[in-house]
C-alpha atoms as a PDB file:
ATOM      1  CA  MET A   1      -0.594  -8.012 -19.369  1.00  0.00           C
ATOM      2  CA  ASP A   2      -0.501 -10.014 -22.605  1.00  0.00           C
ATOM      3  CA  PRO A   3      -1.144 -13.671 -21.662  1.00  0.00           C
ATOM      4  CA  THR A   4       1.535 -14.782 -24.156  1.00  0.00           C
ATOM      5  CA  LEU A   5       4.100 -13.601 -21.616  1.00  0.00           C
ATOM      6  CA  ARG A   6       2.853 -16.308 -19.254  1.00  0.00           C
ATOM      7  CA  VAL A   7       3.141 -19.319 -21.557  1.00  0.00           C
ATOM      8  CA  LEU A   8       5.886 -21.832 -22.174  1.00  0.00           C
ATOM      9  CA  ARG A   9       6.764 -22.506 -25.785  1.00  0.00           C
ATOM     10  CA  LEU A  10       7.721 -26.149 -26.388  1.00  0.00           C
ATOM     11  CA  LEU A  11       9.819 -26.777 -29.489  1.00  0.00           C
ATOM     12  CA  THR A  12      10.173 -30.266 -30.993  1.00  0.00           C
ATOM     13  CA  GLY A  13      13.292 -31.638 -32.668  1.00  0.00           C
ATOM     14  CA  SER A  14      16.813 -31.386 -31.289  1.00  0.00           C
ATOM     15  CA  ILE A  15      15.845 -29.079 -28.439  1.00  0.00           C
ATOM     16  CA  LEU A  16      13.226 -31.544 -27.252  1.00  0.00           C
ATOM     17  CA  LEU A  17      15.630 -34.495 -27.325  1.00  0.00           C
ATOM     18  CA  ALA A  18      18.391 -32.592 -25.535  1.00  0.00           C
ATOM     19  CA  SER A  19      16.659 -33.140 -22.163  1.00  0.00           C
ATOM     20  CA  ASN A  20      17.002 -29.467 -21.281  1.00  0.00           C
ATOM     21  CA  SER A  21      14.820 -28.092 -18.486  1.00  0.00           C
ATOM     22  CA  LEU A  22      13.214 -24.808 -17.547  1.00  0.00           C
ATOM     23  CA  THR A  23      11.797 -24.135 -14.099  1.00  0.00           C
ATOM     24  CA  SER A  24       9.984 -21.333 -12.333  1.00  0.00           C
ATOM     25  CA  ALA A  25      10.168 -22.946  -8.863  1.00  0.00           C
ATOM     26  CA  GLY A  26      10.387 -20.384  -6.089  1.00  0.00           C
ATOM     27  CA  THR A  27       8.397 -17.700  -7.901  1.00  0.00           C
ATOM     28  CA  TRP A  28       4.745 -16.845  -7.280  1.00  0.00           C
ATOM     29  CA  SER A  29       3.343 -14.397  -9.817  1.00  0.00           C
ATOM     30  CA  ASP A  30       0.096 -12.979 -11.118  1.00  0.00           C
ATOM     31  CA  HIS A  31      -0.186 -10.844 -14.257  1.00  0.00           C
ATOM     32  CA  PHE A  32      -3.972 -10.555 -13.910  1.00  0.00           C
ATOM     33  CA  SER A  33      -4.642 -11.756 -17.439  1.00  0.00           C
ATOM     34  CA  GLN A  34      -7.768 -13.675 -16.394  1.00  0.00           C
ATOM     35  CA  ASN A  35     -11.223 -12.191 -15.913  1.00  0.00           C
ATOM     36  CA  VAL A  36     -11.539 -13.190 -12.259  1.00  0.00           C
ATOM     37  CA  LEU A  37      -9.151 -12.666  -9.344  1.00  0.00           C
ATOM     38  CA  GLY A  38      -7.575 -15.995  -8.437  1.00  0.00           C
ATOM     39  CA  SER A  39      -8.751 -17.852  -5.346  1.00  0.00           C
ATOM     40  CA  ASP A  40      -5.264 -17.650  -3.781  1.00  0.00           C
ATOM     41  CA  TRP A  41      -5.902 -13.971  -3.069  1.00  0.00           C
ATOM     42  CA  GLN A  42      -7.479 -13.462   0.360  1.00  0.00           C
ATOM     43  CA  GLY A  43      -8.662 -10.385   2.256  1.00  0.00           C
ATOM     44  CA  ASP A  44     -10.809  -7.477   1.065  1.00  0.00           C
ATOM     45  CA  ARG A  45     -11.693  -9.155  -2.230  1.00  0.00           C
ATOM     46  CA  ASP A  46     -14.875  -7.091  -2.686  1.00  0.00           C
ATOM     47  CA  PHE A  47     -12.717  -4.011  -3.229  1.00  0.00           C
ATOM     48  CA  PHE A  48     -10.542  -5.541  -5.971  1.00  0.00           C
ATOM     49  CA  SER A  49     -11.356  -6.712  -9.491  1.00  0.00           C
ATOM     50  CA  ILE A  50      -9.660  -7.455 -12.818  1.00  0.00           C
ATOM     51  CA  VAL A  51     -10.049  -4.594 -15.316  1.00  0.00           C
ATOM     52  CA  ASP A  52      -8.308  -4.602 -18.708  1.00  0.00           C
ATOM     53  CA  ALA A  53      -5.678  -7.152 -17.614  1.00  0.00           C
ATOM     54  CA  ALA A  54      -4.762  -5.301 -14.413  1.00  0.00           C
ATOM     55  CA  LEU A  55      -5.929  -5.535 -10.807  1.00  0.00           C
ATOM     56  CA  GLN A  56      -8.067  -2.562  -9.796  1.00  0.00           C
ATOM     57  CA  GLY A  57      -8.334  -1.586  -6.134  1.00  0.00           C
ATOM     58  CA  VAL A  58     -10.811   0.853  -4.598  1.00  0.00           C
ATOM     59  CA  SER A  59     -11.023   2.361  -1.115  1.00  0.00           C
ATOM     60  CA  ALA A  60     -13.328   5.354  -1.063  1.00  0.00           C
ATOM     61  CA  ALA A  61     -15.546   7.179   1.437  1.00  0.00           C
ATOM     62  CA  PRO A  62     -17.110  10.669   1.554  1.00  0.00           C
ATOM     63  CA  ILE A  63     -14.827  11.778   4.391  1.00  0.00           C
ATOM     64  CA  ALA A  64     -11.523  10.713   5.929  1.00  0.00           C
ATOM     65  CA  PRO A  65     -10.314   8.439   7.364  1.00  0.00           C
ATOM     66  CA  VAL A  66     -10.607   5.914   4.576  1.00  0.00           C
ATOM     67  CA  PRO A  67      -9.545   2.339   5.433  1.00  0.00           C
ATOM     68  CA  LEU A  68      -6.575   0.536   3.933  1.00  0.00           C
ATOM     69  CA  ARG A  69      -8.000  -2.256   1.778  1.00  0.00           C
ATOM     70  CA  ARG A  70      -5.739  -5.168   0.913  1.00  0.00           C
ATOM     71  CA  VAL A  71      -5.590  -8.603  -0.675  1.00  0.00           C
ATOM     72  CA  GLU A  72      -2.784 -11.034   0.045  1.00  0.00           C
ATOM     73  CA  VAL A  73      -1.327 -14.383  -0.927  1.00  0.00           C
ATOM     74  CA  GLY A  74       0.851 -16.891   0.887  1.00  0.00           C
ATOM     75  CA  LYS A  75       1.435 -17.686   4.523  1.00  0.00           C
ATOM     76  CA  ASP A  76       4.607 -17.599   6.599  1.00  0.00           C
ATOM     77  CA  TRP A  77       6.660 -16.357   3.646  1.00  0.00           C
ATOM     78  CA  THR A  78       9.989 -15.124   5.007  1.00  0.00           C
ATOM     79  CA  ASP A  79      12.878 -13.953   2.804  1.00  0.00           C
ATOM     80  CA  TYR A  80      11.984 -12.904  -0.735  1.00  0.00           C
ATOM     81  CA  THR A  81      12.022 -10.229  -3.409  1.00  0.00           C
ATOM     82  CA  ILE A  82       8.608  -8.805  -4.195  1.00  0.00           C
ATOM     83  CA  GLN A  83       7.751  -6.408  -6.975  1.00  0.00           C
ATOM     84  CA  CYS A  84       4.681  -4.969  -8.675  1.00  0.00           C
ATOM     85  CA  ARG A  85       3.780  -2.150 -11.028  1.00  0.00           C
ATOM     86  CA  ILE A  86       1.442   0.372  -9.381  1.00  0.00           C
ATOM     87  CA  ASP A  87      -0.570   3.237 -10.896  1.00  0.00           C
ATOM     88  CA  VAL A  88      -2.589   5.507  -8.597  1.00  0.00           C
ATOM     89  CA  VAL A  89      -5.184   6.621 -11.117  1.00  0.00           C
ATOM     90  CA  GLU A  90      -7.848   8.603  -9.261  1.00  0.00           C
ATOM     91  CA  PRO A  91      -7.910   9.875  -5.659  1.00  0.00           C
ATOM     92  CA  ASN A  92     -10.845   9.939  -3.276  1.00  0.00           C
ATOM     93  CA  VAL A  93     -10.414  12.905  -0.905  1.00  0.00           C
ATOM     94  CA  LEU A  94      -6.636  13.122  -1.561  1.00  0.00           C
ATOM     95  CA  VAL A  95      -5.628  12.889   2.088  1.00  0.00           C
ATOM     96  CA  CYS A  96      -4.197   9.361   2.368  1.00  0.00           C
ATOM     97  CA  THR A  97      -4.288   8.434  -1.313  1.00  0.00           C
ATOM     98  CA  LYS A  98      -1.879   5.564  -1.918  1.00  0.00           C
ATOM     99  CA  GLY A  99      -1.157   2.278  -3.628  1.00  0.00           C
ATOM    100  CA  ALA A 100       1.100  -0.118  -1.756  1.00  0.00           C
ATOM    101  CA  LEU A 101       2.718  -3.482  -1.243  1.00  0.00           C
ATOM    102  CA  VAL A 102       1.982  -5.415   1.951  1.00  0.00           C
ATOM    103  CA  LEU A 103       4.893  -7.376   3.410  1.00  0.00           C
ATOM    104  CA  ARG A 104       5.065 -10.133   6.060  1.00  0.00           C
ATOM    105  CA  ASP A 105       1.516  -9.696   7.338  1.00  0.00           C
ATOM    106  CA  ASN A 106       1.219 -12.262  10.151  1.00  0.00           C
ATOM    107  CA  GLY A 107      -2.201 -11.119  11.336  1.00  0.00           C
ATOM    108  CA  SER A 108      -0.959  -8.859  14.105  1.00  0.00           C
ATOM    109  CA  GLU A 109       2.025  -7.159  12.466  1.00  0.00           C
ATOM    110  CA  GLY A 110       3.491  -6.534   9.041  1.00  0.00           C
ATOM    111  CA  TYR A 111       4.740  -3.718   6.822  1.00  0.00           C
ATOM    112  CA  VAL A 112       3.300  -1.401   4.171  1.00  0.00           C
ATOM    113  CA  PHE A 113       5.495  -0.041   1.354  1.00  0.00           C
ATOM    114  CA  ALA A 114       3.418   2.776  -0.089  1.00  0.00           C
ATOM    115  CA  LEU A 115       3.369   5.340  -2.869  1.00  0.00           C
ATOM    116  CA  HIS A 116       1.637   8.114  -0.910  1.00  0.00           C
ATOM    117  CA  VAL A 117       0.600  10.317  -3.804  1.00  0.00           C
ATOM    118  CA  ALA A 118      -1.372  12.742  -1.605  1.00  0.00           C
ATOM    119  CA  THR A 119       1.774  13.841   0.248  1.00  0.00           C
ATOM    120  CA  LYS A 120       4.230  12.973  -2.553  1.00  0.00           C
ATOM    121  CA  THR A 121       6.194  10.647  -0.303  1.00  0.00           C
ATOM    122  CA  ILE A 122       7.338   7.049  -0.515  1.00  0.00           C
ATOM    123  CA  GLU A 123       6.769   5.413   2.853  1.00  0.00           C
ATOM    124  CA  VAL A 124       7.348   2.240   4.838  1.00  0.00           C
ATOM    125  CA  TYR A 125       5.306   1.838   8.014  1.00  0.00           C
ATOM    126  CA  ARG A 126       4.006  -0.789  10.416  1.00  0.00           C
ATOM    127  CA  LEU A 127       0.712  -2.405   9.543  1.00  0.00           C
ATOM    128  CA  SER A 128      -0.353  -2.610  13.190  1.00  0.00           C
ATOM    129  CA  ASN A 129      -0.069   1.035  14.303  1.00  0.00           C
ATOM    130  CA  GLN A 130       1.129   2.979  11.222  1.00  0.00           C
ATOM    131  CA  GLU A 131       4.465   3.793  12.903  1.00  0.00           C
ATOM    132  CA  MET A 132       6.653   5.328  10.197  1.00  0.00           C
ATOM    133  CA  LEU A 133       9.903   3.468   9.519  1.00  0.00           C
ATOM    134  CA  LEU A 134      10.983   5.230   6.319  1.00  0.00           C
ATOM    135  CA  SER A 135       9.768   8.291   4.423  1.00  0.00           C
ATOM    136  CA  LYS A 136      11.259   9.946   1.346  1.00  0.00           C
ATOM    137  CA  ASP A 137       9.952  12.843  -0.725  1.00  0.00           C
ATOM    138  CA  ALA A 138       9.296  11.973  -4.363  1.00  0.00           C
ATOM    139  CA  PRO A 139       7.543  13.706  -7.293  1.00  0.00           C
ATOM    140  CA  LEU A 140       4.762  11.112  -7.453  1.00  0.00           C
ATOM    141  CA  GLN A 141       2.037  11.709 -10.016  1.00  0.00           C
ATOM    142  CA  LEU A 142      -1.428  10.363 -10.615  1.00  0.00           C
ATOM    143  CA  GLN A 143      -1.974   8.196 -13.696  1.00  0.00           C
ATOM    144  CA  GLN A 144       1.628   7.041 -13.907  1.00  0.00           C
ATOM    145  CA  TRP A 145       3.009   3.535 -13.545  1.00  0.00           C
ATOM    146  CA  TYR A 146       5.794   2.911 -11.025  1.00  0.00           C
ATOM    147  CA  LEU A 147       7.769  -0.307 -10.520  1.00  0.00           C
ATOM    148  CA  VAL A 148       7.848  -0.947  -6.769  1.00  0.00           C
ATOM    149  CA  ARG A 149      10.246  -3.544  -5.341  1.00  0.00           C
ATOM    150  CA  ALA A 150      11.297  -4.718  -1.880  1.00  0.00           C
ATOM    151  CA  GLU A 151      14.059  -7.156  -0.962  1.00  0.00           C
ATOM    152  CA  LEU A 152      13.603  -8.873   2.409  1.00  0.00           C
ATOM    153  CA  GLN A 153      16.412 -10.804   4.079  1.00  0.00           C
ATOM    154  CA  GLY A 154      16.031 -11.519   7.783  1.00  0.00           C
ATOM    155  CA  ALA A 155      15.401  -8.269   9.612  1.00  0.00           C
ATOM    156  CA  THR A 156      16.815  -6.186   6.741  1.00  0.00           C
ATOM    157  CA  MET A 157      14.383  -4.787   4.162  1.00  0.00           C
ATOM    158  CA  THR A 158      15.555  -2.738   1.167  1.00  0.00           C
ATOM    159  CA  PHE A 159      13.162  -0.704  -0.964  1.00  0.00           C
ATOM    160  CA  PHE A 160      13.255   0.493  -4.585  1.00  0.00           C
ATOM    161  CA  VAL A 161      11.007   2.473  -6.942  1.00  0.00           C
ATOM    162  CA  ASP A 162      11.777   2.306 -10.652  1.00  0.00           C
ATOM    163  CA  ASP A 163      15.065   0.576  -9.704  1.00  0.00           C
ATOM    164  CA  GLN A 164      16.146   3.585  -7.621  1.00  0.00           C
ATOM    165  CA  LEU A 165      17.105   2.855  -4.019  1.00  0.00           C
ATOM    166  CA  ILE A 166      14.679   4.457  -1.574  1.00  0.00           C
ATOM    167  CA  GLY A 167      16.255   3.177   1.632  1.00  0.00           C
ATOM    168  CA  THR A 168      16.814   0.276   4.004  1.00  0.00           C
ATOM    169  CA  VAL A 169      14.971  -0.605   7.198  1.00  0.00           C
ATOM    170  CA  THR A 170      16.119  -3.051   9.870  1.00  0.00           C
ATOM    171  CA  ASP A 171      13.212  -4.359  11.942  1.00  0.00           C
ATOM    172  CA  ASP A 172      12.357  -7.775  13.378  1.00  0.00           C
ATOM    173  CA  ARG A 173       8.803  -7.237  14.606  1.00  0.00           C
ATOM    174  CA  SER A 174       7.520  -9.465  11.785  1.00  0.00           C
ATOM    175  CA  LEU A 175       9.830 -11.904   9.995  1.00  0.00           C
ATOM    176  CA  SER A 176       7.213 -13.884   8.069  1.00  0.00           C
ATOM    177  CA  GLY A 177       3.648 -13.647   6.831  1.00  0.00           C
ATOM    178  CA  ALA A 178       1.484 -13.011   3.786  1.00  0.00           C
ATOM    179  CA  ALA A 179       2.353 -10.657   0.916  1.00  0.00           C
ATOM    180  CA  GLY A 180       0.025  -8.560  -1.187  1.00  0.00           C
ATOM    181  CA  VAL A 181      -1.184  -5.195  -2.415  1.00  0.00           C
ATOM    182  CA  ALA A 182      -3.204  -2.431  -0.786  1.00  0.00           C
ATOM    183  CA  VAL A 183      -5.110   0.730  -1.634  1.00  0.00           C
ATOM    184  CA  GLN A 184      -6.316   3.642   0.478  1.00  0.00           C
ATOM    185  CA  ASP A 185      -8.311   6.820  -0.168  1.00  0.00           C
ATOM    186  CA  ALA A 186      -8.560   6.173  -3.906  1.00  0.00           C
ATOM    187  CA  MET A 187     -11.296   5.693  -6.446  1.00  0.00           C
ATOM    188  CA  GLU A 188      -8.899   3.637  -8.557  1.00  0.00           C
ATOM    189  CA  VAL A 189      -5.425   2.143  -8.143  1.00  0.00           C
ATOM    190  CA  LEU A 190      -4.102  -0.350 -10.685  1.00  0.00           C
ATOM    191  CA  PHE A 191      -1.632  -3.187 -10.025  1.00  0.00           C
ATOM    192  CA  ASP A 192       0.111  -5.433 -12.534  1.00  0.00           C
ATOM    193  CA  ASP A 193       2.980  -7.934 -12.829  1.00  0.00           C
ATOM    194  CA  PHE A 194       2.937  -8.975  -9.161  1.00  0.00           C
ATOM    195  CA  THR A 195       5.870 -11.309  -8.442  1.00  0.00           C
ATOM    196  CA  VAL A 196       7.363 -12.839  -5.300  1.00  0.00           C
ATOM    197  CA  THR A 197      10.595 -14.851  -5.548  1.00  0.00           C
ATOM    198  CA  GLY A 198      12.334 -16.630  -2.673  1.00  0.00           C
ATOM    199  CA  GLN A 199      13.602 -19.928  -1.311  1.00  0.00           C
ATOM    200  CA  ASN A 200      10.414 -20.818   0.570  1.00  0.00           C
ATOM    201  CA  ILE A 201       7.991 -19.398  -1.996  1.00  0.00           C
ATOM    202  CA  PRO A 202       5.871 -22.100  -3.679  1.00  0.00           C
ATOM    203  CA  GLY A 203       5.985 -21.558  -7.429  1.00  0.00           C
ATOM    204  CA  ASN A 204       2.630 -21.171  -9.158  1.00  0.00           C
ATOM    205  CA  GLY A 205       3.987 -21.371 -12.703  1.00  0.00           C
ATOM    206  CA  LEU A 206       4.616 -24.307 -14.973  1.00  0.00           C
ATOM    207  CA  GLU A 207       7.814 -26.337 -14.791  1.00  0.00           C
ATOM    208  CA  LEU A 208       8.977 -27.921 -18.027  1.00  0.00           C
ATOM    209  CA  SER A 209      11.108 -31.059 -18.456  1.00  0.00           C
ATOM    210  CA  LEU A 210      12.132 -32.096 -21.958  1.00  0.00           C
ATOM    211  CA  GLY A 211      13.200 -35.626 -22.885  1.00  0.00           C
ATOM    212  CA  GLN A 212      11.677 -38.499 -24.837  1.00  0.00           C
ATOM    213  CA  LYS A 213       8.393 -37.119 -23.529  1.00  0.00           C
ATOM    214  CA  VAL A 214       7.263 -33.675 -22.402  1.00  0.00           C
ATOM    215  CA  THR A 215       6.448 -33.291 -18.707  1.00  0.00           C
ATOM    216  CA  LEU A 216       4.844 -30.184 -17.274  1.00  0.00           C
ATOM    217  CA  SER A 217       4.387 -29.782 -13.542  1.00  0.00           C
ATOM    218  CA  TRP A 218       3.074 -27.216 -11.086  1.00  0.00           C
ATOM    219  CA  SER A 219       2.475 -26.837  -7.361  1.00  0.00           C
ATOM    220  CA  SER A 220      -0.139 -29.228  -5.952  1.00  0.00           C
ATOM    221  CA  SER A 221      -1.607 -26.267  -4.043  1.00  0.00           C
ATOM    222  CA  LEU A 222      -3.010 -24.987  -7.359  1.00  0.00           C
ATOM    223  CA  THR A 223      -5.975 -27.352  -7.286  1.00  0.00           C
ATOM    224  CA  ASN A 224      -8.235 -24.786  -8.924  1.00  0.00           C
ATOM    225  CA  SER A 225      -6.136 -24.524 -12.112  1.00  0.00           C
ATOM    226  CA  ILE A 226      -6.263 -26.277 -15.470  1.00  0.00           C
ATOM    227  CA  LEU A 227      -3.659 -26.727 -18.199  1.00  0.00           C
ATOM    228  CA  LYS A 228      -4.457 -25.460 -21.693  1.00  0.00           C
ATOM    229  CA  VAL A 229      -2.619 -25.731 -25.014  1.00  0.00           C
ATOM    230  CA  THR A 230      -2.576 -24.100 -28.433  1.00  0.00           C
ATOM    231  CA  SER A 231      -0.453 -24.427 -31.571  1.00  0.00           C
ATOM    232  CA  GLU A 232      -0.168 -20.713 -32.336  1.00  0.00           C
ATOM    233  CA  LEU A 233      -0.368 -17.347 -30.609  1.00  0.00           C
ATOM    234  CA  SER A 234      -2.493 -14.494 -31.903  1.00  0.00           C
ATOM    235  CA  PRO A 235      -5.101 -12.047 -30.555  1.00  0.00           C
ATOM    236  CA  THR A 236      -7.757 -14.633 -31.467  1.00  0.00           C
ATOM    237  CA  THR A 237      -5.949 -17.736 -30.180  1.00  0.00           C
ATOM    238  CA  ALA A 238      -8.283 -20.538 -29.084  1.00  0.00           C
ATOM    239  CA  TRP A 239      -6.931 -22.539 -26.133  1.00  0.00           C
ATOM    240  CA  SER A 240      -7.869 -26.210 -25.668  1.00  0.00           C
ATOM    241  CA  THR A 241      -7.943 -27.949 -22.305  1.00  0.00           C
ATOM    242  CA  VAL A 242      -5.336 -30.701 -21.879  1.00  0.00           C
ATOM    243  CA  THR A 243      -7.419 -33.759 -21.016  1.00  0.00           C
ATOM    244  CA  ASN A 244      -4.620 -35.873 -19.480  1.00  0.00           C
ATOM    245  CA  THR A 245      -5.247 -36.347 -15.754  1.00  0.00           C
ATOM    246  CA  PRO A 246      -2.439 -34.791 -13.673  1.00  0.00           C
ATOM    247  CA  ALA A 247      -0.444 -37.223 -11.537  1.00  0.00           C
ATOM    248  CA  SER A 248       0.642 -36.376  -7.997  1.00  0.00           C
ATOM    249  CA  VAL A 249       4.443 -36.353  -7.676  1.00  0.00           C
ATOM    250  CA  GLY A 250       5.533 -35.199  -4.223  1.00  0.00           C
ATOM    251  CA  ASP A 251       4.259 -31.655  -3.807  1.00  0.00           C
ATOM    252  CA  GLN A 252       3.701 -31.265  -7.551  1.00  0.00           C
ATOM    253  CA  LEU A 253       1.033 -32.143 -10.088  1.00  0.00           C
ATOM    254  CA  ALA A 254       2.434 -33.360 -13.403  1.00  0.00           C
ATOM    255  CA  VAL A 255       1.192 -34.107 -16.912  1.00  0.00           C
ATOM    256  CA  THR A 256       3.339 -36.135 -19.330  1.00  0.00           C
ATOM    257  CA  LEU A 257       2.693 -35.785 -23.047  1.00  0.00           C
ATOM    258  CA  ASP A 258       4.020 -37.396 -26.224  1.00  0.00           C
ATOM    259  CA  PRO A 259       6.050 -35.129 -28.542  1.00  0.00           C
ATOM    260  CA  ALA A 260       4.096 -33.602 -31.392  1.00  0.00           C
ATOM    261  CA  PRO A 261       5.230 -31.893 -34.599  1.00  0.00           C
ATOM    262  CA  GLY A 262       5.310 -28.130 -34.751  1.00  0.00           C
ATOM    263  CA  ASN A 263       5.049 -25.696 -31.856  1.00  0.00           C
ATOM    264  CA  ARG A 264       2.918 -25.998 -28.760  1.00  0.00           C
ATOM    265  CA  PHE A 265       2.185 -23.298 -26.191  1.00  0.00           C
ATOM    266  CA  PHE A 266       0.921 -24.093 -22.697  1.00  0.00           C
ATOM    267  CA  ILE A 267      -0.710 -21.946 -20.053  1.00  0.00           C
ATOM    268  CA  LEU A 268      -1.973 -22.668 -16.535  1.00  0.00           C
ATOM    269  CA  VAL A 269      -5.206 -20.803 -15.781  1.00  0.00           C
ATOM    270  CA  PRO A 270      -7.776 -20.753 -12.966  1.00  0.00           C
ATOM    271  CA  LYS A 271     -10.913 -22.783 -13.510  1.00  0.00           C
ATOM    272  CA  SER A 272     -13.996 -20.801 -14.350  1.00  0.00           C
ATOM    273  CA  PRO A 273     -16.230 -20.154 -11.297  1.00  0.00           C
END
């Protein structure tokens, strides 16, 4: 994903003095535009890596069964909308080949929303024992991107692929937990544009307040991130680190800057390992 889609453009002049605001609070997202998987992602990290601005997952073995490998973010997340683009590129033994979202994983229970390319079915099943809760035939293909989305509200979970309703499941075995992506029986599955939005989701993007000064803030949980700035966007853009020390304001870190002529573009990126 082009990193320009992840920046905030700050315009001086009348817009700056109008004290308008833009916020991304309540949304956690990753477009995998960095070279290294962010530290927020936990789980089977050895089986996932960033390749050409997408997250690549691998779960392969000479014979079945092949384990479900997953990486997840968050903890005790409850009601939210989660979506991600998924491309199952290359199978392993083409028995359980799938790319999937993981929902409400609390350590003992959770849900898997999977594109099961091997059987050409879209499935929802329990993480603990693979009990099937929803299955629908679909003409799934290798090497094709699909937009996968789930809307979770209490015990009701509604599922979509490419904005087409797949079905609804009502189940209260797990009402909160981590969210993430998973791969099984595949040499390569790609994920991109992972987004979770909900009332109790801590935003990991920049928040912008415009007034006599420019204030940018982000969640204080993002301690491994740095703010960078540039005056123009191009394939060869050089980003400079903002040297102002962030101040702690409640559960946010904030940097306040003086207005400057021209355009400025800001991006929040993980620190280099």
